[in-house]
Amino acid sequence: MNKLNETSLDPEDWDATRKLGQRMLSDIMEQTRTVRDRPVWQTVPNGVKARIDAPLPREGQPLEQVYEQF
């Protein structure tokens, strides 16, 4: 296979990806730790509903931007 045509899912910056992954894991752990502090059900805010209904991007997005939107 010609290297110029090779597609990779590897990040351009492994250190930045690792740092973001650690942040994600920390956020998950904090969400789990504090789950009992929140009501069982909350109405979904209109702004969140609008983002869910928005069209998906046509191009790839930076991982950090995707996580922030999430």
PDB file of N, CA and C in Angstrom:
ATOM      1  N   MET A   1       0.850  -1.189   0.000  1.00  0.00           N
ATOM      2  CA  MET A   1       0.000   0.000   0.000  1.00  0.00           C
ATOM      3  C   MET A   1       0.884   1.237   0.000  1.00  0.00           C
ATOM      4  N   ASN A   2       0.534   2.165  -0.797  1.00  0.00           N
ATOM      5  CA  ASN A   2       1.249   3.433  -0.887  1.00  0.00           C
ATOM      6  C   ASN A   2       1.016   4.237   0.388  1.00  0.00           C
ATOM      7  N   LYS A   3       2.082   4.674   1.064  1.00  0.00           N
ATOM      8  CA  LYS A   3       1.966   5.436   2.313  1.00  0.00           C
ATOM      9  C   LYS A   3       1.143   6.714   2.150  1.00  0.00           C
ATOM     10  N   LEU A   4       1.152   7.322   0.968  1.00  0.00           N
ATOM     11  CA  LEU A   4       0.398   8.549   0.752  1.00  0.00           C
ATOM     12  C   LEU A   4      -1.103   8.306   0.800  1.00  0.00           C
ATOM     13  N   ASN A   5      -1.538   7.092   0.513  1.00  0.00           N
ATOM     14  CA  ASN A   5      -2.963   6.775   0.516  1.00  0.00           C
ATOM     15  C   ASN A   5      -3.415   6.131   1.818  1.00  0.00           C
ATOM     16  N   GLU A   6      -2.491   5.918   2.736  1.00  0.00           N
ATOM     17  CA  GLU A   6      -2.820   5.248   3.984  1.00  0.00           C
ATOM     18  C   GLU A   6      -3.628   6.171   4.896  1.00  0.00           C
ATOM     19  N   THR A   7      -4.690   5.641   5.438  1.00  0.00           N
ATOM     20  CA  THR A   7      -5.513   6.380   6.387  1.00  0.00           C
ATOM     21  C   THR A   7      -5.281   5.795   7.772  1.00  0.00           C
ATOM     22  N   SER A   8      -5.156   6.651   8.754  1.00  0.00           N
ATOM     23  CA  SER A   8      -4.893   6.197  10.112  1.00  0.00           C
ATOM     24  C   SER A   8      -5.838   6.888  11.084  1.00  0.00           C
ATOM     25  N   LEU A   9      -6.236   6.151  12.091  1.00  0.00           N
ATOM     26  CA  LEU A   9      -7.029   6.733  13.165  1.00  0.00           C
ATOM     27  C   LEU A   9      -6.141   7.187  14.322  1.00  0.00           C
ATOM     28  N   ASP A  10      -4.821   7.029  14.157  1.00  0.00           N
ATOM     29  CA  ASP A  10      -3.904   7.468  15.203  1.00  0.00           C
ATOM     30  C   ASP A  10      -4.002   8.980  15.377  1.00  0.00           C
ATOM     31  N   PRO A  11      -4.000   9.442  16.634  1.00  0.00           N
ATOM     32  CA  PRO A  11      -4.015  10.895  16.851  1.00  0.00           C
ATOM     33  C   PRO A  11      -2.701  11.515  16.414  1.00  0.00           C
ATOM     34  N   GLU A  12      -2.757  12.788  16.071  1.00  0.00           N
ATOM     35  CA  GLU A  12      -1.537  13.508  15.706  1.00  0.00           C
ATOM     36  C   GLU A  12      -0.649  13.736  16.928  1.00  0.00           C
ATOM     37  N   ASP A  13      -1.262  13.859  18.099  1.00  0.00           N
ATOM     38  CA  ASP A  13      -0.518  14.150  19.327  1.00  0.00           C
ATOM     39  C   ASP A  13      -0.975  13.176  20.419  1.00  0.00           C
ATOM     40  N   TRP A  14      -0.200  12.116  20.606  1.00  0.00           N
ATOM     41  CA  TRP A  14      -0.559  11.100  21.601  1.00  0.00           C
ATOM     42  C   TRP A  14      -0.617  11.680  23.014  1.00  0.00           C
ATOM     43  N   ASP A  15       0.288  12.576  23.360  1.00  0.00           N
ATOM     44  CA  ASP A  15       0.305  13.143  24.713  1.00  0.00           C
ATOM     45  C   ASP A  15      -0.965  13.940  24.988  1.00  0.00           C
ATOM     46  N   ALA A  16      -1.401  14.745  24.031  1.00  0.00           N
ATOM     47  CA  ALA A  16      -2.630  15.521  24.202  1.00  0.00           C
ATOM     48  C   ALA A  16      -3.837  14.592  24.287  1.00  0.00           C
ATOM     49  N   THR A  17      -3.829  13.524  23.495  1.00  0.00           N
ATOM     50  CA  THR A  17      -4.939  12.564  23.535  1.00  0.00           C
ATOM     51  C   THR A  17      -4.971  11.848  24.873  1.00  0.00           C
ATOM     52  N   ARG A  18      -3.808  11.473  25.392  1.00  0.00           N
ATOM     53  CA  ARG A  18      -3.730  10.831  26.707  1.00  0.00           C
ATOM     54  C   ARG A  18      -4.260  11.775  27.790  1.00  0.00           C
ATOM     55  N   LYS A  19      -3.866  13.039  27.723  1.00  0.00           N
ATOM     56  CA  LYS A  19      -4.307  14.025  28.716  1.00  0.00           C
ATOM     57  C   LYS A  19      -5.825  14.185  28.672  1.00  0.00           C
ATOM     58  N   LEU A  20      -6.387  14.267  27.459  1.00  0.00           N
ATOM     59  CA  LEU A  20      -7.842  14.381  27.335  1.00  0.00           C
ATOM     60  C   LEU A  20      -8.517  13.114  27.846  1.00  0.00           C
ATOM     61  N   GLY A  21      -7.955  11.944  27.553  1.00  0.00           N
ATOM     62  CA  GLY A  21      -8.510  10.687  28.052  1.00  0.00           C
ATOM     63  C   GLY A  21      -8.522  10.640  29.569  1.00  0.00           C
ATOM     64  N   GLN A  22      -7.461  11.142  30.192  1.00  0.00           N
ATOM     65  CA  GLN A  22      -7.411  11.189  31.657  1.00  0.00           C
ATOM     66  C   GLN A  22      -8.478  12.134  32.201  1.00  0.00           C
ATOM     67  N   ARG A  23      -8.680  13.256  31.510  1.00  0.00           N
ATOM     68  CA  ARG A  23      -9.735  14.202  31.914  1.00  0.00           C
ATOM     69  C   ARG A  23     -11.111  13.554  31.799  1.00  0.00           C
ATOM     70  N   MET A  24     -11.327  12.828  30.693  1.00  0.00           N
ATOM     71  CA  MET A  24     -12.607  12.144  30.492  1.00  0.00           C
ATOM     72  C   MET A  24     -12.860  11.145  31.623  1.00  0.00           C
ATOM     73  N   LEU A  25     -11.849  10.339  31.937  1.00  0.00           N
ATOM     74  CA  LEU A  25     -11.996   9.350  32.997  1.00  0.00           C
ATOM     75  C   LEU A  25     -12.273  10.015  34.338  1.00  0.00           C
ATOM     76  N   SER A  26     -11.573  11.101  34.616  1.00  0.00           N
ATOM     77  CA  SER A  26     -11.799  11.836  35.852  1.00  0.00           C
ATOM     78  C   SER A  26     -13.235  12.376  35.916  1.00  0.00           C
ATOM     79  N   ASP A  27     -13.721  12.911  34.795  1.00  0.00           N
ATOM     80  CA  ASP A  27     -15.099  13.415  34.740  1.00  0.00           C
ATOM     81  C   ASP A  27     -16.112  12.291  34.975  1.00  0.00           C
ATOM     82  N   ILE A  28     -15.851  11.129  34.390  1.00  0.00           N
ATOM     83  CA  ILE A  28     -16.738   9.974  34.588  1.00  0.00           C
ATOM     84  C   ILE A  28     -16.764   9.573  36.058  1.00  0.00           C
ATOM     85  N   MET A  29     -15.593   9.525  36.667  1.00  0.00           N
ATOM     86  CA  MET A  29     -15.525   9.132  38.076  1.00  0.00           C
ATOM     87  C   MET A  29     -16.244  10.149  38.969  1.00  0.00           C
ATOM     88  N   GLU A  30     -16.097  11.433  38.673  1.00  0.00           N
ATOM     89  CA  GLU A  30     -16.772  12.467  39.463  1.00  0.00           C
ATOM     90  C   GLU A  30     -18.285  12.381  39.272  1.00  0.00           C
ATOM     91  N   GLN A  31     -18.720  12.142  38.055  1.00  0.00           N
ATOM     92  CA  GLN A  31     -20.157  11.992  37.777  1.00  0.00           C
ATOM     93  C   GLN A  31     -20.711  10.805  38.578  1.00  0.00           C
ATOM     94  N   THR A  32     -19.970   9.712  38.604  1.00  0.00           N
ATOM     95  CA  THR A  32     -20.409   8.524  39.344  1.00  0.00           C
ATOM     96  C   THR A  32     -20.385   8.779  40.850  1.00  0.00           C
ATOM     97  N   ARG A  33     -19.338   9.443  41.332  1.00  0.00           N
ATOM     98  CA  ARG A  33     -19.210   9.714  42.774  1.00  0.00           C
ATOM     99  C   ARG A  33     -20.357  10.570  43.294  1.00  0.00           C
ATOM    100  N   THR A  34     -20.832  11.502  42.478  1.00  0.00           N
ATOM    101  CA  THR A  34     -21.852  12.454  42.935  1.00  0.00           C
ATOM    102  C   THR A  34     -23.263  12.104  42.445  1.00  0.00           C
ATOM    103  N   VAL A  35     -23.456  10.913  41.908  1.00  0.00           N
ATOM    104  CA  VAL A  35     -24.754  10.556  41.326  1.00  0.00           C
ATOM    105  C   VAL A  35     -25.885  10.644  42.361  1.00  0.00           C
ATOM    106  N   ARG A  36     -25.603  10.325  43.599  1.00  0.00           N
ATOM    107  CA  ARG A  36     -26.647  10.361  44.631  1.00  0.00           C
ATOM    108  C   ARG A  36     -27.047  11.789  45.027  1.00  0.00           C
ATOM    109  N   ASP A  37     -26.255  12.767  44.618  1.00  0.00           N
ATOM    110  CA  ASP A  37     -26.536  14.163  44.948  1.00  0.00           C
ATOM    111  C   ASP A  37     -27.518  14.807  43.970  1.00  0.00           C
ATOM    112  N   ARG A  38     -27.858  14.101  42.897  1.00  0.00           N
ATOM    113  CA  ARG A  38     -28.727  14.666  41.863  1.00  0.00           C
ATOM    114  C   ARG A  38     -30.060  13.941  41.834  1.00  0.00           C
ATOM    115  N   PRO A  39     -31.107  14.621  41.355  1.00  0.00           N
ATOM    116  CA  PRO A  39     -32.399  13.943  41.244  1.00  0.00           C
ATOM    117  C   PRO A  39     -32.322  12.783  40.242  1.00  0.00           C
ATOM    118  N   VAL A  40     -33.213  11.827  40.419  1.00  0.00           N
ATOM    119  CA  VAL A  40     -33.247  10.665  39.529  1.00  0.00           C
ATOM    120  C   VAL A  40     -33.600  11.090  38.109  1.00  0.00           C
ATOM    121  N   TRP A  41     -34.511  12.044  37.965  1.00  0.00           N
ATOM    122  CA  TRP A  41     -34.942  12.499  36.639  1.00  0.00           C
ATOM    123  C   TRP A  41     -34.915  14.006  36.586  1.00  0.00           C
ATOM    124  N   GLN A  42     -34.468  14.530  35.471  1.00  0.00           N
ATOM    125  CA  GLN A  42     -34.508  15.969  35.227  1.00  0.00           C
ATOM    126  C   GLN A  42     -35.022  16.177  33.808  1.00  0.00           C
ATOM    127  N   THR A  43     -35.826  17.202  33.623  1.00  0.00           N
ATOM    128  CA  THR A  43     -36.294  17.545  32.287  1.00  0.00           C
ATOM    129  C   THR A  43     -35.094  17.975  31.439  1.00  0.00           C
ATOM    130  N   VAL A  44     -35.088  17.529  30.195  1.00  0.00           N
ATOM    131  CA  VAL A  44     -33.992  17.892  29.292  1.00  0.00           C
ATOM    132  C   VAL A  44     -34.175  19.347  28.867  1.00  0.00           C
ATOM    133  N   PRO A  45     -33.179  20.204  29.105  1.00  0.00           N
ATOM    134  CA  PRO A  45     -33.294  21.613  28.718  1.00  0.00           C
ATOM    135  C   PRO A  45     -33.461  21.764  27.201  1.00  0.00           C
ATOM    136  N   ASN A  46     -34.159  22.824  26.796  1.00  0.00           N
ATOM    137  CA  ASN A  46     -34.403  23.058  25.371  1.00  0.00           C
ATOM    138  C   ASN A  46     -33.115  23.193  24.564  1.00  0.00           C
ATOM    139  N   GLY A  47     -32.097  23.818  25.146  1.00  0.00           N
ATOM    140  CA  GLY A  47     -30.827  23.954  24.448  1.00  0.00           C
ATOM    141  C   GLY A  47     -30.193  22.607  24.129  1.00  0.00           C
ATOM    142  N   VAL A  48     -30.324  21.656  25.056  1.00  0.00           N
ATOM    143  CA  VAL A  48     -29.790  20.311  24.831  1.00  0.00           C
ATOM    144  C   VAL A  48     -30.604  19.608  23.744  1.00  0.00           C
ATOM    145  N   LYS A  49     -31.917  19.745  23.805  1.00  0.00           N
ATOM    146  CA  LYS A  49     -32.771  19.147  22.764  1.00  0.00           C
ATOM    147  C   LYS A  49     -32.406  19.687  21.385  1.00  0.00           C
ATOM    148  N   ALA A  50     -32.143  20.986  21.301  1.00  0.00           N
ATOM    149  CA  ALA A  50     -31.789  21.598  20.020  1.00  0.00           C
ATOM    150  C   ALA A  50     -30.477  21.030  19.490  1.00  0.00           C
ATOM    151  N   ARG A  51     -29.499  20.819  20.379  1.00  0.00           N
ATOM    152  CA  ARG A  51     -28.215  20.249  19.932  1.00  0.00           C
ATOM    153  C   ARG A  51     -28.385  18.812  19.469  1.00  0.00           C
ATOM    154  N   ILE A  52     -29.272  18.065  20.121  1.00  0.00           N
ATOM    155  CA  ILE A  52     -29.530  16.677  19.718  1.00  0.00           C
ATOM    156  C   ILE A  52     -30.163  16.647  18.331  1.00  0.00           C
ATOM    157  N   ASP A  53     -31.046  17.585  18.063  1.00  0.00           N
ATOM    158  CA  ASP A  53     -31.741  17.635  16.772  1.00  0.00           C
ATOM    159  C   ASP A  53     -30.917  18.285  15.664  1.00  0.00           C
ATOM    160  N   ALA A  54     -29.799  18.904  16.010  1.00  0.00           N
ATOM    161  CA  ALA A  54     -28.968  19.580  15.007  1.00  0.00           C
ATOM    162  C   ALA A  54     -28.352  18.546  14.064  1.00  0.00           C
ATOM    163  N   PRO A  55     -28.106  18.938  12.821  1.00  0.00           N
ATOM    164  CA  PRO A  55     -27.477  17.997  11.887  1.00  0.00           C
ATOM    165  C   PRO A  55     -26.058  17.631  12.334  1.00  0.00           C
ATOM    166  N   LEU A  56     -25.659  16.441  12.013  1.00  0.00           N
ATOM    167  CA  LEU A  56     -24.318  15.987  12.343  1.00  0.00           C
ATOM    168  C   LEU A  56     -23.295  16.659  11.437  1.00  0.00           C
ATOM    169  N   PRO A  57     -22.081  16.846  11.931  1.00  0.00           N
ATOM    170  CA  PRO A  57     -21.052  17.451  11.079  1.00  0.00           C
ATOM    171  C   PRO A  57     -20.701  16.528   9.914  1.00  0.00           C
ATOM    172  N   ARG A  58     -20.335  17.121   8.810  1.00  0.00           N
ATOM    173  CA  ARG A  58     -19.956  16.368   7.609  1.00  0.00           C
ATOM    174  C   ARG A  58     -18.478  16.013   7.610  1.00  0.00           C
ATOM    175  N   GLU A  59     -17.695  16.750   8.386  1.00  0.00           N
ATOM    176  CA  GLU A  59     -16.251  16.549   8.439  1.00  0.00           C
ATOM    177  C   GLU A  59     -15.852  16.112   9.846  1.00  0.00           C
ATOM    178  N   GLY A  60     -14.687  15.523   9.941  1.00  0.00           N
ATOM    179  CA  GLY A  60     -14.168  15.141  11.241  1.00  0.00           C
ATOM    180  C   GLY A  60     -13.978  16.356  12.138  1.00  0.00           C
ATOM    181  N   GLN A  61     -14.094  16.136  13.429  1.00  0.00           N
ATOM    182  CA  GLN A  61     -13.944  17.214  14.403  1.00  0.00           C
ATOM    183  C   GLN A  61     -12.824  16.841  15.374  1.00  0.00           C
ATOM    184  N   PRO A  62     -12.132  17.825  15.914  1.00  0.00           N
ATOM    185  CA  PRO A  62     -11.107  17.525  16.920  1.00  0.00           C
ATOM    186  C   PRO A  62     -11.736  16.839  18.138  1.00  0.00           C
ATOM    187  N   LEU A  63     -11.026  15.866  18.690  1.00  0.00           N
ATOM    188  CA  LEU A  63     -11.543  15.083  19.803  1.00  0.00           C
ATOM    189  C   LEU A  63     -11.974  15.962  20.974  1.00  0.00           C
ATOM    190  N   GLU A  64     -11.184  16.958  21.303  1.00  0.00           N
ATOM    191  CA  GLU A  64     -11.528  17.829  22.439  1.00  0.00           C
ATOM    192  C   GLU A  64     -12.839  18.575  22.176  1.00  0.00           C
ATOM    193  N   GLN A  65     -13.057  19.013  20.956  1.00  0.00           N
ATOM    194  CA  GLN A  65     -14.299  19.706  20.596  1.00  0.00           C
ATOM    195  C   GLN A  65     -15.491  18.750  20.720  1.00  0.00           C
ATOM    196  N   VAL A  66     -15.323  17.525  20.292  1.00  0.00           N
ATOM    197  CA  VAL A  66     -16.388  16.528  20.404  1.00  0.00           C
ATOM    198  C   VAL A  66     -16.722  16.288  21.870  1.00  0.00           C
ATOM    199  N   TYR A  67     -15.691  16.165  22.703  1.00  0.00           N
ATOM    200  CA  TYR A  67     -15.919  15.924  24.137  1.00  0.00           C
ATOM    201  C   TYR A  67     -16.618  17.117  24.783  1.00  0.00           C
ATOM    202  N   GLU A  68     -16.210  18.329  24.433  1.00  0.00           N
ATOM    203  CA  GLU A  68     -16.862  19.517  24.985  1.00  0.00           C
ATOM    204  C   GLU A  68     -18.345  19.556  24.606  1.00  0.00           C
ATOM    205  N   GLN A  69     -18.658  19.184  23.386  1.00  0.00           N
ATOM    206  CA  GLN A  69     -20.061  19.157  22.966  1.00  0.00           C
ATOM    207  C   GLN A  69     -20.833  18.079  23.716  1.00  0.00           C
ATOM    208  N   PHE A  70     -20.172  16.956  23.961  1.00  0.00           N
ATOM    209  CA  PHE A  70     -20.790  15.861  24.706  1.00  0.00           C
ATOM    210  C   PHE A  70     -21.114  16.285  26.115  1.00  0.00           C
TER     211      PHE A  70
END
